[in-house]
Structure formats: structure tokens, C-alpha cells
Amino acid sequence: MSNQFVAWYRQAPGKQRDLVAAITSGGRRDYA
């Protein structure tokens, strides 16, 4: 759909998955 939100995460073995960066459908961005 047009209204969606995508993020990148990263994870090391044995650790939690952490947010790295995100972007909205409108182009708003956020970073760790």
C-alpha cells in the first residue's frame, strides 16, 4: 500500500535486534 513505513535493523549473534534507520512513505527519516 502507499502508506507504509520501512526500517532497517541489525543484530549480532546472541543479541537483540536494534533499530538502525527508518523512513516513512512521505520520506521522513530517523536514525539511531
PDB file of all heavy atoms in Angstrom:
ATOM      1  N   MET A   1       0.836  -1.180   0.000  1.00  0.00           N
ATOM      2  CA  MET A   1       0.000   0.000   0.000  1.00  0.00           C
ATOM      3  C   MET A   1       0.881   1.243   0.000  1.00  0.00           C
ATOM      4  O   MET A   1       2.066   1.184   0.310  1.00  0.00           O
ATOM      5  CB  MET A   1      -0.903   0.001   1.235  1.00  0.00           C
ATOM      6  CG  MET A   1      -1.724  -1.263   1.408  1.00  0.00           C
ATOM      7  SD  MET A   1      -2.916  -1.499   0.091  1.00  0.00           S
ATOM      8  CE  MET A   1      -4.071  -0.219   0.481  1.00  0.00           C
ATOM      9  N   SER A   2       0.303   2.364  -0.328  1.00  0.00           N
ATOM     10  CA  SER A   2       1.102   3.585  -0.399  1.00  0.00           C
ATOM     11  C   SER A   2       1.531   4.060   0.973  1.00  0.00           C
ATOM     12  O   SER A   2       2.590   4.655   1.138  1.00  0.00           O
ATOM     13  CB  SER A   2       0.312   4.672  -1.118  1.00  0.00           C
ATOM     14  OG  SER A   2      -0.898   4.939  -0.419  1.00  0.00           O
ATOM     15  N   ASN A   3       0.720   3.820   1.997  1.00  0.00           N
ATOM     16  CA  ASN A   3       1.031   4.318   3.331  1.00  0.00           C
ATOM     17  C   ASN A   3       1.716   3.227   4.141  1.00  0.00           C
ATOM     18  O   ASN A   3       1.054   2.445   4.821  1.00  0.00           O
ATOM     19  CB  ASN A   3      -0.244   4.785   4.034  1.00  0.00           C
ATOM     20  CG  ASN A   3       0.052   5.428   5.373  1.00  0.00           C
ATOM     21  OD1 ASN A   3       1.159   5.895   5.600  1.00  0.00           O
ATOM     22  ND2 ASN A   3      -0.920   5.428   6.255  1.00  0.00           N
ATOM     23  N   GLN A   4       3.032   3.131   4.022  1.00  0.00           N
ATOM     24  CA  GLN A   4       3.763   2.165   4.804  1.00  0.00           C
ATOM     25  C   GLN A   4       5.096   2.771   5.240  1.00  0.00           C
ATOM     26  O   GLN A   4       5.485   3.834   4.773  1.00  0.00           O
ATOM     27  CB  GLN A   4       3.996   0.847   4.038  1.00  0.00           C
ATOM     28  CG  GLN A   4       4.010   0.912   2.552  1.00  0.00           C
ATOM     29  CD  GLN A   4       5.293   1.506   2.021  1.00  0.00           C
ATOM     30  OE1 GLN A   4       6.308   1.576   2.680  1.00  0.00           O
ATOM     31  NE2 GLN A   4       5.245   1.930   0.778  1.00  0.00           N
ATOM     32  N   PHE A   5       5.738   2.086   6.122  1.00  0.00           N
ATOM     33  CA  PHE A   5       6.887   2.569   6.860  1.00  0.00           C
ATOM     34  C   PHE A   5       7.916   1.461   6.824  1.00  0.00           C
ATOM     35  O   PHE A   5       7.575   0.308   7.055  1.00  0.00           O
ATOM     36  CB  PHE A   5       6.377   2.855   8.283  1.00  0.00           C
ATOM     37  CG  PHE A   5       7.401   3.228   9.303  1.00  0.00           C
ATOM     38  CD1 PHE A   5       7.686   4.553   9.544  1.00  0.00           C
ATOM     39  CD2 PHE A   5       8.025   2.274  10.073  1.00  0.00           C
ATOM     40  CE1 PHE A   5       8.578   4.919  10.527  1.00  0.00           C
ATOM     41  CE2 PHE A   5       8.934   2.624  11.061  1.00  0.00           C
ATOM     42  CZ  PHE A   5       9.207   3.956  11.292  1.00  0.00           C
ATOM     43  N   VAL A   6       9.160   1.797   6.475  1.00  0.00           N
ATOM     44  CA  VAL A   6      10.188   0.772   6.358  1.00  0.00           C
ATOM     45  C   VAL A   6      11.364   1.129   7.262  1.00  0.00           C
ATOM     46  O   VAL A   6      11.753   2.308   7.339  1.00  0.00           O
ATOM     47  CB  VAL A   6      10.668   0.636   4.907  1.00  0.00           C
ATOM     48  CG1 VAL A   6      11.771  -0.416   4.804  1.00  0.00           C
ATOM     49  CG2 VAL A   6       9.504   0.254   4.009  1.00  0.00           C
ATOM     50  N   ALA A   7      11.925   0.127   7.911  1.00  0.00           N
ATOM     51  CA  ALA A   7      13.051   0.347   8.806  1.00  0.00           C
ATOM     52  C   ALA A   7      14.124  -0.700   8.566  1.00  0.00           C
ATOM     53  O   ALA A   7      13.837  -1.817   8.119  1.00  0.00           O
ATOM     54  CB  ALA A   7      12.584   0.288  10.261  1.00  0.00           C
ATOM     55  N   TRP A   8      15.345  -0.312   8.866  1.00  0.00           N
ATOM     56  CA  TRP A   8      16.468  -1.237   8.879  1.00  0.00           C
ATOM     57  C   TRP A   8      16.855  -1.507  10.332  1.00  0.00           C
ATOM     58  O   TRP A   8      16.913  -0.571  11.150  1.00  0.00           O
ATOM     59  CB  TRP A   8      17.683  -0.655   8.151  1.00  0.00           C
ATOM     60  CG  TRP A   8      17.594  -0.710   6.662  1.00  0.00           C
ATOM     61  CD1 TRP A   8      17.175   0.279   5.826  1.00  0.00           C
ATOM     62  CD2 TRP A   8      17.935  -1.819   5.828  1.00  0.00           C
ATOM     63  NE1 TRP A   8      17.242  -0.146   4.522  1.00  0.00           N
ATOM     64  CE2 TRP A   8      17.705  -1.422   4.501  1.00  0.00           C
ATOM     65  CE3 TRP A   8      18.412  -3.103   6.077  1.00  0.00           C
ATOM     66  CZ2 TRP A   8      17.939  -2.273   3.408  1.00  0.00           C
ATOM     67  CZ3 TRP A   8      18.651  -3.946   4.999  1.00  0.00           C
ATOM     68  CH2 TRP A   8      18.414  -3.526   3.691  1.00  0.00           C
ATOM     69  N   TYR A   9      17.096  -2.785  10.610  1.00  0.00           N
ATOM     70  CA  TYR A   9      17.555  -3.214  11.927  1.00  0.00           C
ATOM     71  C   TYR A   9      18.865  -3.969  11.741  1.00  0.00           C
ATOM     72  O   TYR A   9      19.181  -4.434  10.643  1.00  0.00           O
ATOM     73  CB  TYR A   9      16.541  -4.168  12.575  1.00  0.00           C
ATOM     74  CG  TYR A   9      15.252  -3.532  12.999  1.00  0.00           C
ATOM     75  CD1 TYR A   9      14.277  -3.198  12.078  1.00  0.00           C
ATOM     76  CD2 TYR A   9      14.978  -3.301  14.348  1.00  0.00           C
ATOM     77  CE1 TYR A   9      13.078  -2.623  12.475  1.00  0.00           C
ATOM     78  CE2 TYR A   9      13.777  -2.737  14.761  1.00  0.00           C
ATOM     79  CZ  TYR A   9      12.835  -2.401  13.810  1.00  0.00           C
ATOM     80  OH  TYR A   9      11.654  -1.843  14.211  1.00  0.00           O
ATOM     81  N   ARG A  10      19.582  -4.149  12.846  1.00  0.00           N
ATOM     82  CA  ARG A  10      20.756  -5.003  12.793  1.00  0.00           C
ATOM     83  C   ARG A  10      20.835  -5.822  14.065  1.00  0.00           C
ATOM     84  O   ARG A  10      20.325  -5.419  15.122  1.00  0.00           O
ATOM     85  CB  ARG A  10      22.030  -4.196  12.583  1.00  0.00           C
ATOM     86  CG  ARG A  10      22.391  -3.206  13.671  1.00  0.00           C
ATOM     87  CD  ARG A  10      23.602  -2.399  13.224  1.00  0.00           C
ATOM     88  NE  ARG A  10      24.045  -1.438  14.230  1.00  0.00           N
ATOM     89  CZ  ARG A  10      25.031  -0.567  14.046  1.00  0.00           C
ATOM     90  NH1 ARG A  10      25.686  -0.526  12.878  1.00  0.00           N
ATOM     91  NH2 ARG A  10      25.379   0.273  15.003  1.00  0.00           N
ATOM     92  N   GLN A  11      21.501  -6.968  13.911  1.00  0.00           N
ATOM     93  CA  GLN A  11      21.547  -7.905  15.027  1.00  0.00           C
ATOM     94  C   GLN A  11      22.854  -8.677  14.991  1.00  0.00           C
ATOM     95  O   GLN A  11      23.225  -9.247  13.958  1.00  0.00           O
ATOM     96  CB  GLN A  11      20.365  -8.871  14.944  1.00  0.00           C
ATOM     97  CG  GLN A  11      20.261  -9.842  16.091  1.00  0.00           C
ATOM     98  CD  GLN A  11      19.013 -10.706  15.991  1.00  0.00           C
ATOM     99  OE1 GLN A  11      18.517 -11.002  14.911  1.00  0.00           O
ATOM    100  NE2 GLN A  11      18.489 -11.105  17.141  1.00  0.00           N
ATOM    101  N   ALA A  12      23.522  -8.711  16.129  1.00  0.00           N
ATOM    102  CA  ALA A  12      24.711  -9.542  16.306  1.00  0.00           C
ATOM    103  C   ALA A  12      24.274 -10.857  16.947  1.00  0.00           C
ATOM    104  O   ALA A  12      23.245 -10.910  17.629  1.00  0.00           O
ATOM    105  CB  ALA A  12      25.724  -8.820  17.185  1.00  0.00           C
ATOM    106  N   PRO A  13      25.042 -11.917  16.754  1.00  0.00           N
ATOM    107  CA  PRO A  13      24.675 -13.211  17.347  1.00  0.00           C
ATOM    108  C   PRO A  13      24.466 -13.112  18.851  1.00  0.00           C
ATOM    109  O   PRO A  13      25.300 -12.543  19.566  1.00  0.00           O
ATOM    110  CB  PRO A  13      25.875 -14.101  17.008  1.00  0.00           C
ATOM    111  CG  PRO A  13      26.438 -13.508  15.773  1.00  0.00           C
ATOM    112  CD  PRO A  13      26.247 -12.019  15.926  1.00  0.00           C
ATOM    113  N   GLY A  14      23.339 -13.610  19.328  1.00  0.00           N
ATOM    114  CA  GLY A  14      23.055 -13.614  20.751  1.00  0.00           C
ATOM    115  C   GLY A  14      22.581 -12.301  21.316  1.00  0.00           C
ATOM    116  O   GLY A  14      22.378 -12.177  22.527  1.00  0.00           O
ATOM    117  N   LYS A  15      22.396 -11.315  20.447  1.00  0.00           N
ATOM    118  CA  LYS A  15      21.949 -10.005  20.931  1.00  0.00           C
ATOM    119  C   LYS A  15      20.601  -9.649  20.317  1.00  0.00           C
ATOM    120  O   LYS A  15      20.136 -10.279  19.376  1.00  0.00           O
ATOM    121  CB  LYS A  15      22.993  -8.940  20.594  1.00  0.00           C
ATOM    122  CG  LYS A  15      24.318  -9.142  21.308  1.00  0.00           C
ATOM    123  CD  LYS A  15      25.220  -7.952  21.120  1.00  0.00           C
ATOM    124  CE  LYS A  15      26.507  -8.115  21.921  1.00  0.00           C
ATOM    125  NZ  LYS A  15      27.409  -6.940  21.759  1.00  0.00           N
ATOM    126  N   GLN A  16      19.978  -8.615  20.859  1.00  0.00           N
ATOM    127  CA  GLN A  16      18.677  -8.206  20.348  1.00  0.00           C
ATOM    128  C   GLN A  16      18.845  -7.475  19.021  1.00  0.00           C
ATOM    129  O   GLN A  16      19.914  -6.991  18.690  1.00  0.00           O
ATOM    130  CB  GLN A  16      17.973  -7.299  21.353  1.00  0.00           C
ATOM    131  CG  GLN A  16      18.621  -5.934  21.542  1.00  0.00           C
ATOM    132  CD  GLN A  16      17.871  -5.068  22.546  1.00  0.00           C
ATOM    133  OE1 GLN A  16      17.138  -5.556  23.393  1.00  0.00           O
ATOM    134  NE2 GLN A  16      18.058  -3.770  22.456  1.00  0.00           N
ATOM    135  N   ARG A  17      17.751  -7.419  18.298  1.00  0.00           N
ATOM    136  CA  ARG A  17      17.744  -6.732  17.016  1.00  0.00           C
ATOM    137  C   ARG A  17      17.460  -5.259  17.274  1.00  0.00           C
ATOM    138  O   ARG A  17      16.444  -4.898  17.888  1.00  0.00           O
ATOM    139  CB  ARG A  17      16.653  -7.345  16.122  1.00  0.00           C
ATOM    140  CG  ARG A  17      16.790  -7.068  14.668  1.00  0.00           C
ATOM    141  CD  ARG A  17      15.873  -7.955  13.852  1.00  0.00           C
ATOM    142  NE  ARG A  17      16.331  -9.331  13.799  1.00  0.00           N
ATOM    143  CZ  ARG A  17      15.774 -10.259  13.034  1.00  0.00           C
ATOM    144  NH1 ARG A  17      14.733  -9.958  12.258  1.00  0.00           N
ATOM    145  NH2 ARG A  17      16.234 -11.499  13.044  1.00  0.00           N
ATOM    146  N   ASP A  18      18.348  -4.391  16.837  1.00  0.00           N
ATOM    147  CA  ASP A  18      18.250  -2.967  17.130  1.00  0.00           C
ATOM    148  C   ASP A  18      17.889  -2.161  15.887  1.00  0.00           C
ATOM    149  O   ASP A  18      18.378  -2.442  14.785  1.00  0.00           O
ATOM    150  CB  ASP A  18      19.588  -2.437  17.675  1.00  0.00           C
ATOM    151  CG  ASP A  18      19.932  -3.005  19.037  1.00  0.00           C
ATOM    152  OD1 ASP A  18      19.001  -3.238  19.841  1.00  0.00           O
ATOM    153  OD2 ASP A  18      21.132  -3.205  19.303  1.00  0.00           O
ATOM    154  N   LEU A  19      17.097  -1.134  16.090  1.00  0.00           N
ATOM    155  CA  LEU A  19      16.730  -0.234  15.005  1.00  0.00           C
ATOM    156  C   LEU A  19      17.931   0.596  14.574  1.00  0.00           C
ATOM    157  O   LEU A  19      18.650   1.147  15.413  1.00  0.00           O
ATOM    158  CB  LEU A  19      15.598   0.689  15.457  1.00  0.00           C
ATOM    159  CG  LEU A  19      15.116   1.711  14.439  1.00  0.00           C
ATOM    160  CD1 LEU A  19      14.429   1.018  13.266  1.00  0.00           C
ATOM    161  CD2 LEU A  19      14.161   2.695  15.111  1.00  0.00           C
ATOM    162  N   VAL A  20      18.133   0.680  13.277  1.00  0.00           N
ATOM    163  CA  VAL A  20      19.232   1.462  12.719  1.00  0.00           C
ATOM    164  C   VAL A  20      18.709   2.744  12.076  1.00  0.00           C
ATOM    165  O   VAL A  20      19.202   3.835  12.333  1.00  0.00           O
ATOM    166  CB  VAL A  20      20.008   0.643  11.671  1.00  0.00           C
ATOM    167  CG1 VAL A  20      21.088   1.494  11.004  1.00  0.00           C
ATOM    168  CG2 VAL A  20      20.623  -0.590  12.304  1.00  0.00           C
ATOM    169  N   ALA A  21      17.713   2.609  11.223  1.00  0.00           N
ATOM    170  CA  ALA A  21      17.175   3.758  10.500  1.00  0.00           C
ATOM    171  C   ALA A  21      15.769   3.415  10.027  1.00  0.00           C
ATOM    172  O   ALA A  21      15.431   2.240   9.854  1.00  0.00           O
ATOM    173  CB  ALA A  21      18.048   4.116   9.305  1.00  0.00           C
ATOM    174  N   ALA A  22      14.968   4.450   9.811  1.00  0.00           N
ATOM    175  CA  ALA A  22      13.598   4.250   9.362  1.00  0.00           C
ATOM    176  C   ALA A  22      13.195   5.379   8.439  1.00  0.00           C
ATOM    177  O   ALA A  22      13.723   6.500   8.536  1.00  0.00           O
ATOM    178  CB  ALA A  22      12.655   4.175  10.554  1.00  0.00           C
ATOM    179  N   ILE A  23      12.239   5.080   7.564  1.00  0.00           N
ATOM    180  CA  ILE A  23      11.757   6.090   6.641  1.00  0.00           C
ATOM    181  C   ILE A  23      10.265   5.870   6.402  1.00  0.00           C
ATOM    182  O   ILE A  23       9.812   4.736   6.220  1.00  0.00           O
ATOM    183  CB  ILE A  23      12.553   6.050   5.317  1.00  0.00           C
ATOM    184  CG1 ILE A  23      12.181   7.226   4.414  1.00  0.00           C
ATOM    185  CG2 ILE A  23      12.388   4.720   4.594  1.00  0.00           C
ATOM    186  CD1 ILE A  23      13.146   7.436   3.258  1.00  0.00           C
ATOM    187  N   THR A  24       9.512   6.959   6.426  1.00  0.00           N
ATOM    188  CA  THR A  24       8.078   6.865   6.172  1.00  0.00           C
ATOM    189  C   THR A  24       7.810   6.938   4.670  1.00  0.00           C
ATOM    190  O   THR A  24       8.704   7.253   3.880  1.00  0.00           O
ATOM    191  CB  THR A  24       7.324   7.999   6.866  1.00  0.00           C
ATOM    192  OG1 THR A  24       7.702   9.249   6.235  1.00  0.00           O
ATOM    193  CG2 THR A  24       7.651   8.062   8.344  1.00  0.00           C
ATOM    194  N   SER A  25       6.575   6.679   4.298  1.00  0.00           N
ATOM    195  CA  SER A  25       6.202   6.767   2.887  1.00  0.00           C
ATOM    196  C   SER A  25       6.373   8.187   2.370  1.00  0.00           C
ATOM    197  O   SER A  25       6.589   8.397   1.175  1.00  0.00           O
ATOM    198  CB  SER A  25       4.777   6.282   2.676  1.00  0.00           C
ATOM    199  OG  SER A  25       3.881   6.998   3.506  1.00  0.00           O
ATOM    200  N   GLY A  26       6.291   9.171   3.267  1.00  0.00           N
ATOM    201  CA  GLY A  26       6.474  10.555   2.872  1.00  0.00           C
ATOM    202  C   GLY A  26       7.909  11.021   2.871  1.00  0.00           C
ATOM    203  O   GLY A  26       8.202  12.167   2.534  1.00  0.00           O
ATOM    204  N   GLY A  27       8.828  10.129   3.286  1.00  0.00           N
ATOM    205  CA  GLY A  27      10.239  10.464   3.243  1.00  0.00           C
ATOM    206  C   GLY A  27      10.837  10.965   4.545  1.00  0.00           C
ATOM    207  O   GLY A  27      12.013  11.338   4.592  1.00  0.00           O
ATOM    208  N   ARG A  28      10.048  10.979   5.627  1.00  0.00           N
ATOM    209  CA  ARG A  28      10.605  11.381   6.918  1.00  0.00           C
ATOM    210  C   ARG A  28      11.556  10.294   7.398  1.00  0.00           C
ATOM    211  O   ARG A  28      11.224   9.118   7.353  1.00  0.00           O
ATOM    212  CB  ARG A  28       9.499  11.606   7.930  1.00  0.00           C
ATOM    213  CG  ARG A  28      10.010  12.003   9.294  1.00  0.00           C
ATOM    214  CD  ARG A  28       8.874  12.256  10.257  1.00  0.00           C
ATOM    215  NE  ARG A  28       9.374  12.487  11.615  1.00  0.00           N
ATOM    216  CZ  ARG A  28       8.587  12.743  12.661  1.00  0.00           C
ATOM    217  NH1 ARG A  28       7.288  12.809  12.504  1.00  0.00           N
ATOM    218  NH2 ARG A  28       9.114  12.935  13.841  1.00  0.00           N
ATOM    219  N   ARG A  29      12.715  10.680   7.911  1.00  0.00           N
ATOM    220  CA  ARG A  29      13.755   9.728   8.296  1.00  0.00           C
ATOM    221  C   ARG A  29      14.109   9.858   9.763  1.00  0.00           C
ATOM    222  O   ARG A  29      14.036  10.940  10.336  1.00  0.00           O
ATOM    223  CB  ARG A  29      15.011   9.962   7.459  1.00  0.00           C
ATOM    224  CG  ARG A  29      14.768   9.984   5.973  1.00  0.00           C
ATOM    225  CD  ARG A  29      16.000  10.414   5.229  1.00  0.00           C
ATOM    226  NE  ARG A  29      15.681  10.700   3.840  1.00  0.00           N
ATOM    227  CZ  ARG A  29      16.566  11.117   2.961  1.00  0.00           C
ATOM    228  NH1 ARG A  29      17.824  11.289   3.313  1.00  0.00           N
ATOM    229  NH2 ARG A  29      16.206  11.355   1.712  1.00  0.00           N
ATOM    230  N   ASP A  30      14.575   8.746  10.313  1.00  0.00           N
ATOM    231  CA  ASP A  30      15.059   8.748  11.687  1.00  0.00           C
ATOM    232  C   ASP A  30      16.215   7.754  11.767  1.00  0.00           C
ATOM    233  O   ASP A  30      16.232   6.754  11.034  1.00  0.00           O
ATOM    234  CB  ASP A  30      13.944   8.346  12.650  1.00  0.00           C
ATOM    235  CG  ASP A  30      14.271   8.717  14.082  1.00  0.00           C
ATOM    236  OD1 ASP A  30      15.219   9.496  14.315  1.00  0.00           O
ATOM    237  OD2 ASP A  30      13.568   8.232  14.985  1.00  0.00           O
ATOM    238  N   TYR A  31      17.181   8.045  12.653  1.00  0.00           N
ATOM    239  CA  TYR A  31      18.381   7.233  12.753  1.00  0.00           C
ATOM    240  C   TYR A  31      18.736   6.948  14.205  1.00  0.00           C
ATOM    241  O   TYR A  31      18.491   7.771  15.088  1.00  0.00           O
ATOM    242  CB  TYR A  31      19.579   7.949  12.112  1.00  0.00           C
ATOM    243  CG  TYR A  31      19.436   8.223  10.644  1.00  0.00           C
ATOM    244  CD1 TYR A  31      18.921   9.437  10.197  1.00  0.00           C
ATOM    245  CD2 TYR A  31      19.795   7.268   9.699  1.00  0.00           C
ATOM    246  CE1 TYR A  31      18.787   9.693   8.848  1.00  0.00           C
ATOM    247  CE2 TYR A  31      19.656   7.516   8.336  1.00  0.00           C
ATOM    248  CZ  TYR A  31      19.148   8.733   7.926  1.00  0.00           C
ATOM    249  OH  TYR A  31      19.010   8.980   6.580  1.00  0.00           O
ATOM    250  N   ALA A  32      19.366   5.812  14.427  1.00  0.00           N
ATOM    251  CA  ALA A  32      19.976   5.539  15.722  1.00  0.00           C
ATOM    252  C   ALA A  32      21.157   6.483  15.904  1.00  0.00           C
ATOM    253  O   ALA A  32      21.837   6.846  14.931  1.00  0.00           O
ATOM    254  CB  ALA A  32      20.433   4.087  15.798  1.00  0.00           C
TER     255      ALA A  32
END
